[in-house]
Amino acid sequence: MTIEILPSAEDDLADGATFYEESETGIGDYFLRVLCSEIDGLKRNAGSHREFFGHHRMLSKTFPIGVFYQVTARWFK
């Protein structure tokens, strides 16, 4: 499975990292590591989260962040 992060979502991640980094040095990097790890976990459990308006929503276990995503099937020969 391939995970594609949209540019707008990348902007949201960068904004979140900046917000947390301004609160305490090092937390911005920790925020990015945690979220990237949780997003990578979608390779194993994509589609198992509740749907809202046509998108699945995964809630971060560490930060008050929801990750909205879609599962698309792509078949290749």
Protein backbone atom coordinates (compact mmCIF):
# COMPACT_ATOMS: atom_id res chain seq x y z
CA MET A 1 0.00 0.00 0.00
CA THR A 2 1.19 3.49 -0.83
CA ILE A 3 0.35 6.46 1.34
CA GLU A 4 0.06 9.80 -0.40
CA ILE A 5 0.11 12.92 1.76
CA LEU A 6 -1.50 15.90 0.07
CA PRO A 7 0.37 19.23 0.04
CA SER A 8 -2.33 20.78 2.24
CA ALA A 9 -1.84 18.00 4.80
CA GLU A 10 1.93 18.54 4.69
CA ASP A 11 1.25 22.21 5.45
CA ASP A 12 -0.95 21.19 8.39
CA LEU A 13 1.81 18.94 9.75
CA ALA A 14 4.37 21.75 9.43
CA ASP A 15 2.00 24.19 11.17
CA GLY A 16 1.43 21.70 13.98
CA ALA A 17 5.16 21.16 14.42
CA THR A 18 5.73 24.91 14.57
CA PHE A 19 2.95 25.32 17.13
CA TYR A 20 4.35 22.63 19.42
CA GLU A 21 7.96 23.76 18.94
CA GLU A 22 6.98 27.27 20.08
CA SER A 23 5.51 25.70 23.23
CA GLU A 24 8.64 23.73 24.12
CA THR A 25 11.88 23.03 22.26
CA GLY A 26 11.94 19.53 20.75
CA ILE A 27 8.20 18.90 20.91
CA GLY A 28 7.75 19.94 17.28
CA ASP A 29 10.11 17.20 16.12
CA TYR A 30 8.44 14.72 18.45
CA PHE A 31 5.05 15.73 16.99
CA LEU A 32 6.27 14.98 13.46
CA ARG A 33 7.82 11.63 14.45
CA VAL A 34 4.64 10.51 16.21
CA LEU A 35 2.29 11.59 13.42
CA CYS A 36 4.47 10.11 10.68
CA SER A 37 4.61 6.82 12.58
CA GLU A 38 0.85 6.78 13.05
CA ILE A 39 0.26 7.63 9.39
CA ASP A 40 2.67 4.86 8.39
CA GLY A 41 0.54 2.51 10.51
CA LEU A 42 -2.28 3.03 8.02
CA LYS A 43 -0.47 0.52 5.81
CA ARG A 44 -1.67 -2.13 8.26
CA ASN A 45 -5.08 -0.87 9.32
CA ALA A 46 -6.40 1.50 6.65
CA GLY A 47 -10.15 1.50 6.43
CA SER A 48 -10.69 0.39 10.02
CA HIS A 49 -11.49 3.88 11.27
CA ARG A 50 -14.92 5.48 11.39
CA GLU A 51 -16.03 7.44 8.33
CA PHE A 52 -17.02 11.11 8.34
CA PHE A 53 -18.33 12.71 5.16
CA GLY A 54 -16.75 10.07 2.92
CA HIS A 55 -13.34 10.01 4.62
CA HIS A 56 -11.98 7.79 7.36
CA ARG A 57 -10.69 9.56 10.47
CA MET A 58 -7.79 8.23 12.52
CA LEU A 59 -7.26 9.98 15.85
CA SER A 60 -3.69 10.39 17.10
CA LYS A 61 -3.02 8.56 20.34
CA THR A 62 -0.64 11.30 21.54
CA PHE A 63 -1.82 14.62 20.13
CA PRO A 64 -5.32 16.10 19.68
CA ILE A 65 -5.12 15.58 15.91
CA GLY A 66 -7.36 13.74 13.48
CA VAL A 67 -5.98 12.35 10.24
CA PHE A 68 -8.58 12.11 7.48
CA TYR A 69 -7.89 9.67 4.67
CA GLN A 70 -9.41 7.65 1.85
CA VAL A 71 -8.66 4.12 0.80
CA THR A 72 -8.40 3.59 -2.94
CA ALA A 73 -7.75 0.26 -4.61
CA ARG A 74 -5.27 0.25 -7.43
CA TRP A 75 -4.73 -2.96 -9.32
CA PHE A 76 -1.75 -3.53 -11.59
CA LYS A 77 -0.92 -6.45 -13.84
